[in-house]
Amino acid sequence: MPEPGAAQADRPALSVLRTDPEVGSGVVLAGAVIALIPSLIVYLLLQRSLVTGIAADATKG
């Protein structure tokens, strides 16, 4: 089981990159895309279940 703060380790790293004057905006954008990839993969894998669940909740009422 991961440590509680381990899942958010990319946010401080991106903050450091953003405030460093020697780092270009391309590097910061590349880091942001790399940080986004795991969430995007999970969304794409669970998209069908998510839409099914939302549609089922909408028709219960």
PDB file of N, CA and C in Angstrom:
ATOM      1  N   MET A   1       0.846  -1.177   0.000  1.00  0.00           N
ATOM      2  CA  MET A   1       0.000   0.000   0.000  1.00  0.00           C
ATOM      3  C   MET A   1       0.888   1.235   0.000  1.00  0.00           C
ATOM      4  N   PRO A   2       0.623   2.181  -0.899  1.00  0.00           N
ATOM      5  CA  PRO A   2       1.468   3.370  -0.974  1.00  0.00           C
ATOM      6  C   PRO A   2       1.263   4.286   0.212  1.00  0.00           C
ATOM      7  N   GLU A   3       2.252   5.113   0.439  1.00  0.00           N
ATOM      8  CA  GLU A   3       2.157   6.094   1.515  1.00  0.00           C
ATOM      9  C   GLU A   3       1.102   7.142   1.162  1.00  0.00           C
ATOM     10  N   PRO A   4       0.513   7.811   2.151  1.00  0.00           N
ATOM     11  CA  PRO A   4      -0.557   8.765   1.869  1.00  0.00           C
ATOM     12  C   PRO A   4      -0.169   9.894   0.919  1.00  0.00           C
ATOM     13  N   GLY A   5       1.024  10.431   1.014  1.00  0.00           N
ATOM     14  CA  GLY A   5       1.423  11.537   0.166  1.00  0.00           C
ATOM     15  C   GLY A   5       2.084  11.116  -1.134  1.00  0.00           C
ATOM     16  N   ALA A   6       2.263   9.818  -1.348  1.00  0.00           N
ATOM     17  CA  ALA A   6       3.000   9.342  -2.518  1.00  0.00           C
ATOM     18  C   ALA A   6       2.252   9.604  -3.819  1.00  0.00           C
ATOM     19  N   ALA A   7       0.930   9.593  -3.789  1.00  0.00           N
ATOM     20  CA  ALA A   7       0.155   9.780  -5.011  1.00  0.00           C
ATOM     21  C   ALA A   7       0.226  11.213  -5.515  1.00  0.00           C
ATOM     22  N   GLN A   8       0.587  12.139  -4.666  1.00  0.00           N
ATOM     23  CA  GLN A   8       0.626  13.536  -5.050  1.00  0.00           C
ATOM     24  C   GLN A   8       2.057  14.044  -5.187  1.00  0.00           C
ATOM     25  N   ALA A   9       2.999  13.168  -5.429  1.00  0.00           N
ATOM     26  CA  ALA A   9       4.399  13.562  -5.514  1.00  0.00           C
ATOM     27  C   ALA A   9       4.684  14.383  -6.761  1.00  0.00           C
ATOM     28  N   ASP A  10       3.850  14.279  -7.782  1.00  0.00           N
ATOM     29  CA  ASP A  10       4.112  15.025  -9.013  1.00  0.00           C
ATOM     30  C   ASP A  10       3.791  16.515  -8.868  1.00  0.00           C
ATOM     31  N   ARG A  11       2.869  16.876  -7.983  1.00  0.00           N
ATOM     32  CA  ARG A  11       2.494  18.280  -7.862  1.00  0.00           C
ATOM     33  C   ARG A  11       3.636  19.156  -7.341  1.00  0.00           C
ATOM     34  N   PRO A  12       4.328  18.775  -6.270  1.00  0.00           N
ATOM     35  CA  PRO A  12       5.465  19.605  -5.848  1.00  0.00           C
ATOM     36  C   PRO A  12       6.567  19.651  -6.899  1.00  0.00           C
ATOM     37  N   ALA A  13       6.768  18.569  -7.615  1.00  0.00           N
ATOM     38  CA  ALA A  13       7.801  18.559  -8.648  1.00  0.00           C
ATOM     39  C   ALA A  13       7.452  19.537  -9.764  1.00  0.00           C
ATOM     40  N   LEU A  14       6.194  19.583 -10.165  1.00  0.00           N
ATOM     41  CA  LEU A  14       5.784  20.538 -11.197  1.00  0.00           C
ATOM     42  C   LEU A  14       5.895  21.974 -10.694  1.00  0.00           C
ATOM     43  N   SER A  15       5.620  22.176  -9.426  1.00  0.00           N
ATOM     44  CA  SER A  15       5.742  23.511  -8.853  1.00  0.00           C
ATOM     45  C   SER A  15       7.190  23.977  -8.864  1.00  0.00           C
ATOM     46  N   VAL A  16       8.109  23.081  -8.547  1.00  0.00           N
ATOM     47  CA  VAL A  16       9.529  23.426  -8.570  1.00  0.00           C
ATOM     48  C   VAL A  16       9.967  23.739  -9.995  1.00  0.00           C
ATOM     49  N   LEU A  17       9.514  22.938 -10.947  1.00  0.00           N
ATOM     50  CA  LEU A  17       9.868  23.200 -12.347  1.00  0.00           C
ATOM     51  C   LEU A  17       9.340  24.553 -12.809  1.00  0.00           C
ATOM     52  N   ARG A  18       8.140  24.881 -12.385  1.00  0.00           N
ATOM     53  CA  ARG A  18       7.511  26.124 -12.841  1.00  0.00           C
ATOM     54  C   ARG A  18       8.215  27.359 -12.290  1.00  0.00           C
ATOM     55  N   THR A  19       8.751  27.271 -11.076  1.00  0.00           N
ATOM     56  CA  THR A  19       9.373  28.436 -10.457  1.00  0.00           C
ATOM     57  C   THR A  19      10.859  28.555 -10.788  1.00  0.00           C
ATOM     58  N   ASP A  20      11.457  27.543 -11.382  1.00  0.00           N
ATOM     59  CA  ASP A  20      12.874  27.593 -11.736  1.00  0.00           C
ATOM     60  C   ASP A  20      13.048  28.396 -13.020  1.00  0.00           C
ATOM     61  N   PRO A  21      13.804  29.497 -12.982  1.00  0.00           N
ATOM     62  CA  PRO A  21      13.928  30.340 -14.180  1.00  0.00           C
ATOM     63  C   PRO A  21      14.708  29.692 -15.319  1.00  0.00           C
ATOM     64  N   GLU A  22      15.491  28.658 -15.043  1.00  0.00           N
ATOM     65  CA  GLU A  22      16.286  28.009 -16.083  1.00  0.00           C
ATOM     66  C   GLU A  22      15.501  26.962 -16.858  1.00  0.00           C
ATOM     67  N   VAL A  23      14.328  26.610 -16.386  1.00  0.00           N
ATOM     68  CA  VAL A  23      13.523  25.574 -17.022  1.00  0.00           C
ATOM     69  C   VAL A  23      12.526  26.242 -17.970  1.00  0.00           C
ATOM     70  N   GLY A  24      12.495  25.772 -19.202  1.00  0.00           N
ATOM     71  CA  GLY A  24      11.583  26.342 -20.184  1.00  0.00           C
ATOM     72  C   GLY A  24      10.158  25.841 -20.001  1.00  0.00           C
ATOM     73  N   SER A  25       9.237  26.509 -20.671  1.00  0.00           N
ATOM     74  CA  SER A  25       7.831  26.131 -20.550  1.00  0.00           C
ATOM     75  C   SER A  25       7.563  24.772 -21.184  1.00  0.00           C
ATOM     76  N   GLY A  26       8.361  24.379 -22.161  1.00  0.00           N
ATOM     77  CA  GLY A  26       8.184  23.064 -22.781  1.00  0.00           C
ATOM     78  C   GLY A  26       8.413  21.931 -21.800  1.00  0.00           C
ATOM     79  N   VAL A  27       9.385  22.100 -20.923  1.00  0.00           N
ATOM     80  CA  VAL A  27       9.668  21.073 -19.913  1.00  0.00           C
ATOM     81  C   VAL A  27       8.520  20.982 -18.920  1.00  0.00           C
ATOM     82  N   VAL A  28       7.980  22.127 -18.526  1.00  0.00           N
ATOM     83  CA  VAL A  28       6.851  22.135 -17.591  1.00  0.00           C
ATOM     84  C   VAL A  28       5.634  21.478 -18.229  1.00  0.00           C
ATOM     85  N   LEU A  29       5.366  21.785 -19.490  1.00  0.00           N
ATOM     86  CA  LEU A  29       4.236  21.171 -20.182  1.00  0.00           C
ATOM     87  C   LEU A  29       4.433  19.668 -20.348  1.00  0.00           C
ATOM     88  N   ALA A  30       5.648  19.243 -20.632  1.00  0.00           N
ATOM     89  CA  ALA A  30       5.926  17.813 -20.745  1.00  0.00           C
ATOM     90  C   ALA A  30       5.690  17.116 -19.408  1.00  0.00           C
ATOM     91  N   GLY A  31       6.103  17.747 -18.323  1.00  0.00           N
ATOM     92  CA  GLY A  31       5.860  17.174 -16.997  1.00  0.00           C
ATOM     93  C   GLY A  31       4.381  17.090 -16.672  1.00  0.00           C
ATOM     94  N   ALA A  32       3.628  18.098 -17.079  1.00  0.00           N
ATOM     95  CA  ALA A  32       2.183  18.090 -16.838  1.00  0.00           C
ATOM     96  C   ALA A  32       1.511  16.973 -17.630  1.00  0.00           C
ATOM     97  N   VAL A  33       1.941  16.761 -18.861  1.00  0.00           N
ATOM     98  CA  VAL A  33       1.365  15.683 -19.675  1.00  0.00           C
ATOM     99  C   VAL A  33       1.699  14.327 -19.071  1.00  0.00           C
ATOM    100  N   ILE A  34       2.929  14.165 -18.617  1.00  0.00           N
ATOM    101  CA  ILE A  34       3.321  12.899 -17.986  1.00  0.00           C
ATOM    102  C   ILE A  34       2.511  12.669 -16.712  1.00  0.00           C
ATOM    103  N   ALA A  35       2.232  13.729 -15.955  1.00  0.00           N
ATOM    104  CA  ALA A  35       1.424  13.587 -14.741  1.00  0.00           C
ATOM    105  C   ALA A  35      -0.031  13.274 -15.071  1.00  0.00           C
ATOM    106  N   LEU A  36      -0.497  13.680 -16.248  1.00  0.00           N
ATOM    107  CA  LEU A  36      -1.889  13.463 -16.650  1.00  0.00           C
ATOM    108  C   LEU A  36      -2.136  12.047 -17.186  1.00  0.00           C
ATOM    109  N   ILE A  37      -1.124  11.408 -17.720  1.00  0.00           N
ATOM    110  CA  ILE A  37      -1.288  10.121 -18.404  1.00  0.00           C
ATOM    111  C   ILE A  37      -1.946   9.041 -17.536  1.00  0.00           C
ATOM    112  N   PRO A  38      -1.537   8.817 -16.276  1.00  0.00           N
ATOM    113  CA  PRO A  38      -2.208   7.762 -15.485  1.00  0.00           C
ATOM    114  C   PRO A  38      -3.706   8.002 -15.303  1.00  0.00           C
ATOM    115  N   SER A  39      -4.105   9.247 -15.044  1.00  0.00           N
ATOM    116  CA  SER A  39      -5.526   9.554 -14.891  1.00  0.00           C
ATOM    117  C   SER A  39      -6.284   9.327 -16.193  1.00  0.00           C
ATOM    118  N   LEU A  40      -5.678   9.684 -17.294  1.00  0.00           N
ATOM    119  CA  LEU A  40      -6.299   9.495 -18.594  1.00  0.00           C
ATOM    120  C   LEU A  40      -6.482   8.019 -18.918  1.00  0.00           C
ATOM    121  N   ILE A  41      -5.495   7.203 -18.588  1.00  0.00           N
ATOM    122  CA  ILE A  41      -5.593   5.759 -18.835  1.00  0.00           C
ATOM    123  C   ILE A  41      -6.726   5.152 -18.012  1.00  0.00           C
ATOM    124  N   VAL A  42      -6.811   5.532 -16.741  1.00  0.00           N
ATOM    125  CA  VAL A  42      -7.884   5.008 -15.886  1.00  0.00           C
ATOM    126  C   VAL A  42      -9.245   5.442 -16.420  1.00  0.00           C
ATOM    127  N   TYR A  43      -9.365   6.678 -16.840  1.00  0.00           N
ATOM    128  CA  TYR A  43     -10.630   7.167 -17.382  1.00  0.00           C
ATOM    129  C   TYR A  43     -11.014   6.384 -18.637  1.00  0.00           C
ATOM    130  N   LEU A  44     -10.066   6.194 -19.538  1.00  0.00           N
ATOM    131  CA  LEU A  44     -10.373   5.481 -20.781  1.00  0.00           C
ATOM    132  C   LEU A  44     -10.761   4.025 -20.517  1.00  0.00           C
ATOM    133  N   LEU A  45     -10.133   3.406 -19.529  1.00  0.00           N
ATOM    134  CA  LEU A  45     -10.471   2.015 -19.203  1.00  0.00           C
ATOM    135  C   LEU A  45     -11.840   1.892 -18.546  1.00  0.00           C
ATOM    136  N   LEU A  46     -12.234   2.889 -17.779  1.00  0.00           N
ATOM    137  CA  LEU A  46     -13.490   2.811 -17.022  1.00  0.00           C
ATOM    138  C   LEU A  46     -14.604   3.662 -17.620  1.00  0.00           C
ATOM    139  N   GLN A  47     -14.399   4.192 -18.810  1.00  0.00           N
ATOM    140  CA  GLN A  47     -15.366   5.102 -19.412  1.00  0.00           C
ATOM    141  C   GLN A  47     -16.729   4.443 -19.603  1.00  0.00           C
ATOM    142  N   ARG A  48     -16.745   3.218 -20.083  1.00  0.00           N
ATOM    143  CA  ARG A  48     -18.021   2.541 -20.327  1.00  0.00           C
ATOM    144  C   ARG A  48     -18.790   2.332 -19.025  1.00  0.00           C
ATOM    145  N   SER A  49     -18.093   1.930 -17.966  1.00  0.00           N
ATOM    146  CA  SER A  49     -18.751   1.738 -16.672  1.00  0.00           C
ATOM    147  C   SER A  49     -19.264   3.062 -16.115  1.00  0.00           C
ATOM    148  N   LEU A  50     -18.497   4.115 -16.300  1.00  0.00           N
ATOM    149  CA  LEU A  50     -18.901   5.421 -15.821  1.00  0.00           C
ATOM    150  C   LEU A  50     -20.167   5.901 -16.503  1.00  0.00           C
ATOM    151  N   VAL A  51     -20.226   5.779 -17.812  1.00  0.00           N
ATOM    152  CA  VAL A  51     -21.409   6.221 -18.570  1.00  0.00           C
ATOM    153  C   VAL A  51     -22.616   5.354 -18.213  1.00  0.00           C
ATOM    154  N   THR A  52     -22.412   4.056 -18.065  1.00  0.00           N
ATOM    155  CA  THR A  52     -23.507   3.159 -17.681  1.00  0.00           C
ATOM    156  C   THR A  52     -24.061   3.526 -16.317  1.00  0.00           C
ATOM    157  N   GLY A  53     -23.174   3.810 -15.374  1.00  0.00           N
ATOM    158  CA  GLY A  53     -23.597   4.179 -14.019  1.00  0.00           C
ATOM    159  C   GLY A  53     -24.362   5.486 -13.998  1.00  0.00           C
ATOM    160  N   ILE A  54     -23.893   6.464 -14.745  1.00  0.00           N
ATOM    161  CA  ILE A  54     -24.577   7.749 -14.796  1.00  0.00           C
ATOM    162  C   ILE A  54     -25.948   7.601 -15.442  1.00  0.00           C
ATOM    163  N   ALA A  55     -26.032   6.811 -16.498  1.00  0.00           N
ATOM    164  CA  ALA A  55     -27.316   6.601 -17.166  1.00  0.00           C
ATOM    165  C   ALA A  55     -28.296   5.841 -16.278  1.00  0.00           C
ATOM    166  N   ALA A  56     -27.798   4.884 -15.506  1.00  0.00           N
ATOM    167  CA  ALA A  56     -28.665   4.140 -14.602  1.00  0.00           C
ATOM    168  C   ALA A  56     -29.197   5.044 -13.492  1.00  0.00           C
ATOM    169  N   ASP A  57     -28.376   5.929 -12.981  1.00  0.00           N
ATOM    170  CA  ASP A  57     -28.823   6.864 -11.940  1.00  0.00           C
ATOM    171  C   ASP A  57     -29.844   7.850 -12.489  1.00  0.00           C
ATOM    172  N   ALA A  58     -29.692   8.229 -13.735  1.00  0.00           N
ATOM    173  CA  ALA A  58     -30.604   9.197 -14.329  1.00  0.00           C
ATOM    174  C   ALA A  58     -31.998   8.620 -14.560  1.00  0.00           C
ATOM    175  N   THR A  59     -32.100   7.308 -14.761  1.00  0.00           N
ATOM    176  CA  THR A  59     -33.394   6.714 -15.047  1.00  0.00           C
ATOM    177  C   THR A  59     -34.084   6.132 -13.811  1.00  0.00           C
ATOM    178  N   LYS A  60     -33.453   6.189 -12.641  1.00  0.00           N
ATOM    179  CA  LYS A  60     -34.060   5.632 -11.429  1.00  0.00           C
ATOM    180  C   LYS A  60     -35.249   6.442 -10.951  1.00  0.00           C
ATOM    181  N   GLY A  61     -35.192   7.737 -11.109  1.00  0.00           N
ATOM    182  CA  GLY A  61     -36.065   8.680 -10.484  1.00  0.00           C
ATOM    183  C   GLY A  61     -37.484   8.673 -10.762  1.00  0.00           C
TER     184      GLY A  61
END
